[in-house]
Protein backbone atom coordinates (compact mmCIF):
# COMPACT_ATOMS: atom_id res chain seq x y z
CA MET A 1 -106.45 -78.06 -35.18
CA PRO A 2 -103.55 -78.07 -33.72
CA THR A 3 -100.34 -76.72 -35.22
CA LEU A 4 -96.58 -78.85 -35.52
CA ILE A 5 -93.43 -77.94 -35.62
CA THR A 6 -91.17 -80.88 -36.09
CA ASN A 7 -87.29 -81.23 -36.67
CA ILE A 8 -86.26 -78.44 -34.47
CA LYS A 9 -82.20 -78.13 -34.45
CA GLU A 10 -82.70 -76.93 -30.96
CA LEU A 11 -85.67 -75.72 -28.94
CA LEU A 12 -84.52 -72.89 -26.20
CA GLN A 13 -85.94 -71.82 -22.89
CA VAL A 14 -87.31 -74.99 -22.13
CA ARG A 15 -88.89 -75.06 -18.50
CA GLU A 16 -91.15 -78.11 -17.34
CA THR A 17 -92.19 -76.60 -14.46
CA PHE A 18 -92.72 -72.54 -14.10
CA VAL A 19 -89.90 -70.16 -13.31
CA SER A 20 -90.63 -66.74 -12.78
CA LYS A 21 -86.95 -65.57 -13.32
CA VAL A 22 -83.45 -66.88 -12.76
CA SER A 23 -80.78 -65.35 -10.88
CA GLY A 24 -77.14 -65.24 -10.77
CA ALA A 25 -75.41 -68.50 -11.60
CA GLU A 26 -78.52 -69.35 -12.81
CA MET A 27 -78.56 -67.25 -15.51
CA ALA A 28 -76.09 -69.00 -17.46
CA ILE A 29 -77.98 -72.30 -17.55
CA LEU A 30 -80.56 -72.29 -20.25
CA PRO A 31 -82.35 -75.63 -20.79
CA THR A 32 -82.73 -76.71 -24.39
CA ILE A 33 -84.08 -80.22 -26.09
CA LYS A 34 -82.26 -80.82 -29.39
CA ASN A 35 -83.90 -82.55 -32.35
CA ALA A 36 -87.10 -81.27 -31.16
CA PHE A 37 -90.97 -81.22 -31.98
CA LEU A 38 -93.38 -78.24 -30.57
CA ILE A 39 -97.38 -78.34 -30.55
CA ILE A 40 -99.68 -75.32 -30.86
CA LYS A 41 -103.20 -75.67 -29.73
CA ASP A 42 -105.60 -72.91 -28.94
CA ASN A 43 -102.62 -70.01 -29.40
CA LEU A 44 -100.87 -71.79 -26.47
CA ILE A 45 -98.01 -74.33 -26.15
CA ALA A 46 -99.56 -77.44 -25.93
CA ASP A 47 -96.47 -80.00 -25.85
CA PHE A 48 -93.28 -80.43 -26.72
CA GLY A 49 -90.12 -82.77 -26.55
CA ALA A 50 -87.54 -84.75 -28.25
CA MET A 51 -88.76 -86.12 -31.72
CA GLU A 52 -88.13 -89.51 -30.61
CA ASN A 53 -91.37 -88.97 -28.31
CA LEU A 54 -93.65 -87.13 -30.67
CA PRO A 55 -97.21 -88.39 -30.31
CA GLN A 56 -99.68 -89.68 -32.79
CA ILE A 57 -101.24 -86.12 -33.99
CA LYS A 58 -103.54 -84.86 -36.54
CA ALA A 59 -102.17 -81.24 -37.32
CA ASP A 60 -103.78 -78.73 -39.56
CA LYS A 61 -100.50 -77.15 -40.28
CA ILE A 62 -96.74 -78.85 -40.04
CA ILE A 63 -94.17 -76.60 -39.83
CA ASP A 64 -90.39 -78.44 -40.56
CA ALA A 65 -88.01 -76.80 -38.59
CA THR A 66 -85.08 -78.71 -39.72
CA GLY A 67 -81.88 -76.69 -39.12
CA ARG A 68 -83.59 -73.88 -37.17
CA ILE A 69 -83.49 -72.94 -33.73
CA VAL A 70 -86.54 -72.27 -31.93
CA MET A 71 -87.17 -70.33 -28.97
CA PRO A 72 -89.71 -67.81 -26.90
CA CYS A 73 -90.28 -64.27 -28.33
CA TRP A 74 -88.08 -61.48 -26.78
CA CYS A 75 -90.23 -59.62 -24.10
CA ASP A 76 -88.87 -56.19 -24.21
CA SER A 77 -89.92 -54.60 -20.92
CA HIS A 78 -88.75 -51.04 -21.42
CA THR A 79 -89.46 -48.94 -24.33
CA HIS A 80 -91.01 -45.14 -25.55
CA ILE A 81 -91.96 -46.15 -28.96
CA VAL A 82 -95.26 -43.48 -29.11
CA TYR A 83 -93.46 -40.15 -29.98
CA ALA A 84 -94.31 -37.86 -32.82
CA GLY A 85 -91.10 -37.16 -35.32
CA ASN A 86 -87.49 -37.88 -34.47
CA ARG A 87 -84.40 -36.02 -32.97
CA GLU A 88 -81.74 -36.66 -35.59
CA GLN A 89 -80.31 -33.06 -35.23
CA GLU A 90 -79.78 -34.09 -31.67
CA PHE A 91 -77.45 -37.05 -33.04
CA VAL A 92 -75.48 -34.65 -35.10
CA ASP A 93 -75.24 -32.54 -31.99
CA ARG A 94 -73.75 -35.28 -29.84
CA ILE A 95 -70.98 -36.03 -32.69
CA ASN A 96 -70.12 -32.46 -32.75
CA GLY A 97 -69.42 -32.91 -28.95
CA PHE A 98 -72.24 -31.86 -27.46
CA SER A 99 -73.56 -33.79 -24.05
CA TYR A 100 -77.18 -35.31 -23.24
CA GLU A 101 -77.11 -33.12 -20.67
CA GLU A 102 -76.26 -30.18 -22.45
CA ILE A 103 -78.45 -30.69 -25.07
CA ALA A 104 -81.13 -31.15 -22.88
CA THR A 105 -80.47 -27.70 -21.40
CA ARG A 106 -80.53 -26.25 -24.79
CA GLY A 107 -84.12 -27.21 -25.23
CA GLY A 108 -83.47 -30.36 -26.44
CA GLY A 109 -84.02 -33.78 -25.41
CA ILE A 110 -87.39 -35.18 -23.46
CA LEU A 111 -88.67 -30.99 -24.30
CA ASN A 112 -88.11 -31.59 -27.63
CA SER A 113 -90.04 -34.95 -27.90
CA ALA A 114 -92.85 -33.28 -25.69
CA LYS A 115 -92.93 -30.16 -28.25
CA LYS A 116 -93.29 -32.32 -31.23
CA LEU A 117 -96.08 -34.77 -29.48
CA ASN A 118 -98.23 -31.83 -28.63
CA GLU A 119 -98.56 -30.21 -31.70
CA THR A 120 -99.32 -33.98 -33.56
CA SER A 121 -102.92 -35.49 -33.89
CA GLU A 122 -103.33 -38.38 -31.82
CA GLU A 123 -104.40 -40.38 -35.39
CA GLU A 124 -100.97 -38.98 -36.76
CA ILE A 125 -99.29 -40.40 -33.41
CA TYR A 126 -100.93 -43.93 -33.56
CA GLU A 127 -99.81 -44.54 -37.58
CA GLN A 128 -96.47 -43.48 -36.76
CA SER A 129 -96.11 -45.91 -33.62
CA ARG A 130 -97.74 -49.03 -35.14
CA GLY A 131 -95.14 -48.75 -37.81
CA ARG A 132 -92.57 -48.81 -35.13
CA LEU A 133 -94.53 -51.94 -33.35
CA GLU A 134 -94.81 -53.74 -36.41
CA GLU A 135 -91.39 -53.49 -37.27
CA VAL A 136 -90.10 -55.04 -33.85
CA MET A 137 -92.70 -57.57 -33.98
CA HIS A 138 -90.97 -59.09 -36.83
CA LEU A 139 -88.04 -58.72 -35.07
CA GLY A 140 -89.01 -61.13 -32.63
CA THR A 141 -90.83 -59.18 -29.72
CA GLY A 142 -93.53 -60.87 -28.66
CA ALA A 143 -94.45 -58.71 -25.62
CA ILE A 144 -93.41 -54.84 -25.32
CA GLU A 145 -93.83 -52.32 -22.25
CA ILE A 146 -94.68 -48.92 -23.37
CA LYS A 147 -94.62 -45.97 -21.59
CA SER A 148 -96.11 -42.51 -21.87
CA GLY A 149 -93.88 -39.38 -20.83
CA TYR A 150 -93.61 -36.98 -23.92
CA GLY A 151 -97.00 -35.15 -23.28
CA LEU A 152 -96.01 -33.55 -19.73
CA THR A 153 -99.32 -32.10 -19.94
CA ILE A 154 -102.49 -33.97 -18.90
CA GLU A 155 -103.88 -33.65 -22.26
CA GLY A 156 -100.46 -34.89 -24.01
CA GLU A 157 -100.12 -37.73 -21.52
CA LEU A 158 -103.77 -38.96 -22.08
CA LYS A 159 -102.84 -38.65 -25.75
CA MET A 160 -100.21 -40.79 -25.44
CA LEU A 161 -101.99 -43.86 -22.93
CA ARG A 162 -104.82 -43.93 -25.26
CA VAL A 163 -102.70 -44.79 -28.47
CA ILE A 164 -101.10 -47.42 -26.33
CA LYS A 165 -104.34 -48.70 -25.85
CA LYS A 166 -105.44 -48.67 -29.16
CA LEU A 167 -102.29 -50.33 -30.37
CA ALA A 168 -103.07 -53.04 -27.82
CA ASP A 169 -106.76 -53.40 -29.02
CA ASN A 170 -105.34 -53.65 -32.52
CA TYR A 171 -102.44 -55.87 -32.27
CA PRO A 172 -102.11 -59.43 -30.91
CA ILE A 173 -98.37 -58.82 -29.12
CA SER A 174 -98.78 -58.21 -25.58
CA ILE A 175 -98.52 -54.77 -24.40
CA LYS A 176 -97.84 -53.33 -20.98
CA ALA A 177 -98.79 -49.59 -20.34
CA THR A 178 -96.74 -47.32 -18.23
CA PHE A 179 -97.22 -43.96 -17.00
CA LEU A 180 -94.01 -41.47 -17.28
CA GLY A 181 -95.23 -38.02 -16.73
CA ALA A 182 -92.34 -37.66 -14.22
CA HIS A 183 -90.09 -37.88 -17.52
CA ALA A 184 -88.98 -34.27 -17.02
CA PHE A 185 -90.16 -30.72 -15.93
CA PRO A 186 -92.03 -28.63 -18.58
CA LEU A 187 -90.39 -25.36 -18.96
CA HIS A 188 -93.41 -23.74 -17.54
CA TYR A 189 -92.98 -25.38 -14.32
CA LYS A 190 -89.20 -25.07 -14.22
CA GLU A 191 -89.43 -22.77 -11.02
CA ASN A 192 -92.45 -24.51 -9.88
CA LYS A 193 -91.73 -28.28 -9.61
CA GLU A 194 -94.12 -28.96 -6.69
CA GLY A 195 -96.42 -27.51 -9.10
CA TYR A 196 -95.99 -29.98 -11.78
CA ILE A 197 -95.95 -33.01 -9.33
CA ASP A 198 -99.04 -31.78 -8.14
CA GLU A 199 -100.38 -31.79 -11.44
CA ILE A 200 -99.13 -35.35 -11.84
CA ILE A 201 -100.67 -36.60 -8.78
CA SER A 202 -103.94 -34.55 -8.39
CA LYS A 203 -104.96 -34.53 -12.16
CA MET A 204 -103.36 -36.70 -14.12
CA LEU A 205 -103.40 -39.99 -12.09
CA PRO A 206 -107.35 -39.68 -11.26
CA GLU A 207 -107.78 -39.29 -15.07
CA ILE A 208 -105.58 -42.31 -16.07
CA SER A 209 -107.32 -44.30 -13.34
CA LYS A 210 -110.81 -43.60 -14.27
CA ASN A 211 -109.73 -44.48 -17.68
CA LYS A 212 -107.60 -47.76 -16.84
CA LEU A 213 -105.10 -46.29 -19.03
CA ALA A 214 -101.87 -47.49 -17.53
CA ASP A 215 -100.67 -51.08 -15.76
CA TYR A 216 -97.44 -49.34 -14.10
CA ILE A 217 -96.25 -45.93 -12.93
CA ASP A 218 -92.42 -44.43 -13.67
CA VAL A 219 -90.34 -41.90 -12.72
CA PHE A 220 -87.12 -40.71 -14.37
CA CYS A 221 -84.97 -40.36 -10.74
CA GLU A 222 -81.92 -38.53 -11.73
CA SER A 223 -79.97 -35.53 -11.17
CA GLY A 224 -81.29 -32.37 -13.12
CA TYR A 225 -84.81 -34.69 -13.37
CA PHE A 226 -86.55 -36.09 -10.41
CA SER A 227 -85.15 -36.31 -6.93
CA VAL A 228 -85.22 -39.50 -4.46
CA GLU A 229 -87.89 -37.26 -2.59
CA GLU A 230 -90.06 -36.45 -5.67
CA THR A 231 -89.69 -39.90 -6.88
CA GLU A 232 -91.22 -41.72 -3.54
CA LYS A 233 -94.04 -39.22 -3.28
CA ILE A 234 -95.10 -39.86 -7.17
CA MET A 235 -94.43 -43.61 -6.79
CA GLU A 236 -96.56 -43.60 -3.53
CA ALA A 237 -99.60 -41.76 -4.96
CA GLY A 238 -99.27 -44.13 -7.99
CA ILE A 239 -99.82 -46.73 -5.99
CA GLN A 240 -102.52 -45.53 -4.33
CA PHE A 241 -104.07 -45.64 -7.87
CA GLY A 242 -103.29 -49.09 -8.04
CA LEU A 243 -100.01 -48.87 -10.67
CA LYS A 244 -97.20 -50.65 -9.44
CA PRO A 245 -93.68 -48.75 -9.91
CA LYS A 246 -91.08 -49.28 -12.90
CA ILE A 247 -88.29 -46.50 -12.49
CA HIS A 248 -85.65 -45.15 -14.40
CA VAL A 249 -82.69 -44.99 -12.03
CA ASN A 250 -78.63 -44.48 -12.28
CA GLN A 251 -78.09 -43.64 -15.66
CA PHE A 252 -75.86 -40.87 -14.84
CA ASN A 253 -75.88 -40.91 -11.44
CA SER A 254 -76.15 -42.83 -8.08
CA ILE A 255 -78.30 -40.72 -6.21
CA GLY A 256 -80.41 -43.34 -3.82
CA GLY A 257 -83.04 -44.13 -6.80
CA ILE A 258 -82.53 -47.87 -6.36
CA GLN A 259 -83.15 -48.19 -2.62
CA ALA A 260 -86.10 -46.15 -3.15
CA GLY A 261 -87.28 -48.43 -5.97
CA VAL A 262 -86.66 -51.62 -3.53
CA GLN A 263 -88.77 -49.67 -1.03
CA PHE A 264 -91.55 -49.08 -2.66
CA LYS A 265 -91.19 -52.86 -4.06
CA ALA A 266 -91.02 -51.63 -7.52
CA LEU A 267 -91.22 -54.05 -10.29
CA SER A 268 -87.94 -53.00 -11.79
CA VAL A 269 -85.35 -50.59 -11.84
CA ASP A 270 -83.99 -49.73 -15.29
CA HIS A 271 -80.83 -48.15 -16.77
CA LEU A 272 -78.30 -48.87 -13.91
CA GLU A 273 -75.11 -47.56 -16.33
CA ILE A 274 -73.96 -46.01 -12.75
CA MET A 275 -73.61 -48.63 -9.75
CA ASN A 276 -72.27 -48.64 -6.81
CA LYS A 277 -71.68 -51.57 -4.18
CA GLU A 278 -74.51 -50.22 -1.95
CA ASP A 279 -76.76 -50.15 -4.99
CA ILE A 280 -75.99 -53.77 -5.70
CA GLU A 281 -76.40 -54.70 -1.97
CA ALA A 282 -80.13 -53.09 -1.88
CA LEU A 283 -81.07 -55.04 -4.76
CA LYS A 284 -80.15 -58.26 -3.25
CA ASP A 285 -83.33 -60.39 -1.54
CA SER A 286 -85.82 -58.12 -3.06
CA LYS A 287 -88.30 -58.71 -6.03
CA THR A 288 -87.33 -55.77 -8.03
CA MET A 289 -85.80 -56.76 -11.14
CA PRO A 290 -82.46 -54.99 -12.41
CA VAL A 291 -82.93 -54.20 -16.11
CA ALA A 292 -79.78 -53.24 -18.36
CA LEU A 293 -80.14 -50.99 -21.69
CA PRO A 294 -77.26 -51.89 -23.74
CA SER A 295 -78.12 -50.10 -26.96
CA CYS A 296 -78.66 -46.90 -24.82
CA SER A 297 -75.26 -47.15 -23.63
CA TYR A 298 -74.07 -47.93 -26.99
CA PHE A 299 -75.84 -44.76 -28.94
CA LEU A 300 -74.89 -42.38 -26.44
CA SER A 301 -71.10 -43.41 -25.86
CA ILE A 302 -72.15 -43.88 -22.02
CA PRO A 303 -71.06 -46.93 -19.44
CA TYR A 304 -72.71 -50.42 -19.53
CA THR A 305 -74.54 -51.73 -16.86
CA PRO A 306 -72.07 -54.03 -14.98
CA ALA A 307 -73.86 -57.19 -15.47
CA ARG A 308 -70.30 -59.42 -14.42
CA GLU A 309 -70.78 -57.68 -11.10
CA MET A 310 -74.34 -57.86 -10.50
CA ILE A 311 -74.96 -61.58 -11.96
CA LYS A 312 -71.72 -62.57 -9.63
CA ALA A 313 -73.71 -60.70 -6.50
CA GLY A 314 -76.45 -63.21 -7.37
CA LEU A 315 -78.64 -60.99 -9.07
CA PRO A 316 -80.89 -61.53 -11.97
CA ILE A 317 -81.02 -58.99 -15.03
CA ALA A 318 -83.39 -58.39 -17.69
CA LEU A 319 -82.50 -56.69 -21.18
CA ALA A 320 -84.48 -54.36 -22.74
CA THR A 321 -84.40 -51.80 -25.84
CA ASP A 322 -85.61 -48.53 -24.37
CA PHE A 323 -86.61 -47.80 -27.99
CA ASN A 324 -87.13 -43.93 -27.95
CA PRO A 325 -86.38 -40.77 -30.53
CA GLY A 326 -83.31 -39.33 -28.40
CA SER A 327 -81.04 -41.88 -26.84
CA THR A 328 -82.05 -45.60 -28.61
CA PRO A 329 -83.79 -44.83 -32.10
CA SER A 330 -83.85 -48.70 -32.24
CA GLY A 331 -86.55 -51.58 -30.93
CA ASN A 332 -84.01 -54.40 -32.42
CA MET A 333 -83.73 -56.67 -29.19
CA ASN A 334 -81.23 -59.16 -31.54
CA PHE A 335 -79.07 -56.16 -31.36
CA VAL A 336 -79.52 -55.80 -27.46
CA ILE A 337 -78.38 -59.63 -26.93
CA ALA A 338 -75.62 -59.30 -29.25
CA THR A 339 -74.43 -55.66 -27.25
CA ALA A 340 -74.91 -57.10 -23.64
CA CYS A 341 -72.44 -60.19 -24.90
CA ILE A 342 -69.98 -58.02 -26.38
CA LYS A 343 -70.02 -54.98 -24.01
CA MET A 344 -71.17 -56.26 -21.24
CA LYS A 345 -69.45 -59.79 -21.26
CA MET A 346 -72.71 -61.73 -20.89
CA THR A 347 -72.71 -65.18 -22.23
CA PRO A 348 -75.24 -66.08 -24.65
CA GLU A 349 -77.19 -68.12 -22.36
CA GLU A 350 -77.39 -65.27 -20.10
CA ALA A 351 -78.49 -62.68 -22.58
CA ILE A 352 -81.13 -64.98 -23.75
CA ASN A 353 -82.53 -65.76 -20.27
CA ALA A 354 -82.44 -61.99 -19.58
CA ALA A 355 -84.33 -60.76 -22.78
CA THR A 356 -87.01 -63.80 -22.27
CA ILE A 357 -87.70 -65.15 -18.87
CA ASN A 358 -86.43 -62.27 -17.26
CA GLY A 359 -87.73 -59.72 -19.39
CA ALA A 360 -91.43 -61.52 -18.74
CA TYR A 361 -90.78 -60.80 -15.01
CA ALA A 362 -89.84 -56.92 -15.38
CA MET A 363 -93.24 -56.39 -17.38
CA GLY A 364 -95.56 -58.81 -15.17
CA ILE A 365 -96.22 -61.21 -17.77
CA SER A 366 -94.26 -64.43 -16.45
CA GLU A 367 -97.14 -66.57 -16.02
CA THR A 368 -97.75 -66.41 -19.56
CA GLN A 369 -94.70 -65.91 -21.61
CA GLY A 370 -90.87 -65.98 -21.46
CA SER A 371 -90.43 -70.06 -21.51
CA ILE A 372 -91.26 -72.69 -23.35
CA THR A 373 -93.75 -74.13 -20.95
CA ARG A 374 -97.00 -75.88 -21.52
CA GLY A 375 -99.82 -73.47 -21.33
CA LYS A 376 -97.79 -70.30 -22.11
CA LYS A 377 -98.70 -68.01 -24.93
CA ALA A 378 -97.38 -69.88 -28.07
CA ASN A 379 -94.96 -66.82 -29.22
CA LEU A 380 -92.20 -68.36 -30.61
CA ILE A 381 -89.00 -67.06 -33.19
CA ILE A 382 -88.08 -69.37 -35.46
CA THR A 383 -84.57 -68.83 -36.94
CA LYS A 384 -83.20 -69.36 -40.40
CA PRO A 385 -80.75 -72.30 -40.51
CA ILE A 386 -77.89 -71.26 -38.50
CA SER A 387 -75.17 -73.36 -36.79
CA SER A 388 -76.13 -72.68 -33.24
CA TYR A 389 -77.63 -70.06 -31.08
CA TYR A 390 -74.59 -68.45 -30.43
CA GLN A 391 -74.81 -67.35 -33.77
CA ILE A 392 -77.48 -64.57 -32.66
CA PRO A 393 -75.16 -62.55 -30.88
CA TYR A 394 -72.03 -63.26 -33.07
CA ALA A 395 -73.67 -62.29 -36.46
CA PHE A 396 -74.75 -58.97 -34.92
CA GLY A 397 -75.60 -57.24 -37.93
CA SER A 398 -77.83 -60.00 -39.67
CA ASN A 399 -81.38 -60.80 -39.35
CA LEU A 400 -81.57 -64.67 -38.23
CA ILE A 401 -84.79 -64.79 -37.96
CA GLU A 402 -87.11 -66.71 -40.90
CA ASN A 403 -90.77 -66.60 -38.77
CA VAL A 404 -92.55 -65.01 -36.02
CA ILE A 405 -95.08 -66.78 -34.19
CA ILE A 406 -97.47 -64.32 -32.01
CA GLU A 407 -100.43 -66.11 -30.34
CA GLY A 408 -99.81 -69.28 -32.54
CA GLU A 409 -99.86 -67.53 -35.61
CA ILE A 410 -97.10 -66.73 -38.18
CA LEU A 411 -96.99 -63.12 -38.74
CA ALA A 412 -97.32 -62.21 -42.51
């Protein structure tokens, strides 16, 4: 029997026909219906419209959404939520003046997380990770991408990817897995970078492919990490094993990673805190989604992705959390929306588009999620009574979500 949501103050992100993503000036347009209804049947959006057009229907459950906004769940296309422990000491180190790069040089950063992960059992990592997943689901995230990258050994990377698979098997939220063995060079490969790249390509990728543990391949393309040439080599190998690239680029420097990502038809290029005209030009007319991670910029006090410049150039933008223990220990997409509006000067409409329809594109799930469209998954946010959707970024410290529906069911 269907579930009926009635008297919706405003139904957001309504797309009568399929739209894969929105770009440039289109990002400022957020289609809505005021005083609306929505019908859920078989875990899918069956129908919606204005209350005056509500058909006669026998519903198993009726939700009165008077005064409330209903919208698609957030699609968080860039996270690292499978990890062990935390890096709160590094947080204090940064307060005391150490940079992210200095902390990494002293054995902190990604290598610190790798050490903890390899010392922690798979069961314990799963328990820690599922707590984070449940938290973000209640904050409105209905689809999430999760990366490996804190193993940096074949055993550690496989352990992380098995945990991601177990989360996907045990929770209704859509989960995409990304192999990020090329997150950093392990200490014992510091003087033999080619040796580690060979291990990724000849040992890790065949095992991951054989066990169907990943959808995408990622590389941290950055000065002091993986060069453009090394990134291209790893992307090419990943593609041969059926993994589409989604890569970290331009977090601290512009070194040509965007151009490499576009050349290898990456689904997304993520971070983009440092952008020049050549980078923006390279993304024009490509199918690669630029992904901004504003809560990372907030936490590290580094520049924000130049959203206004990119949108003016006609580009799309997606927003994601980058939830990880070192540079963004938060998976709150509502805060991401607010920070994008406050610090990147995105309008609420642009930010909501970036976190729903464009977020879905950036993780390859546009066909099933990211908008209110008949036949898409009934993954919905129902807010508390609020004056308008502007209140979501405006009241940045408040939890304005009353209910989250995933696969047609209200989260307990």
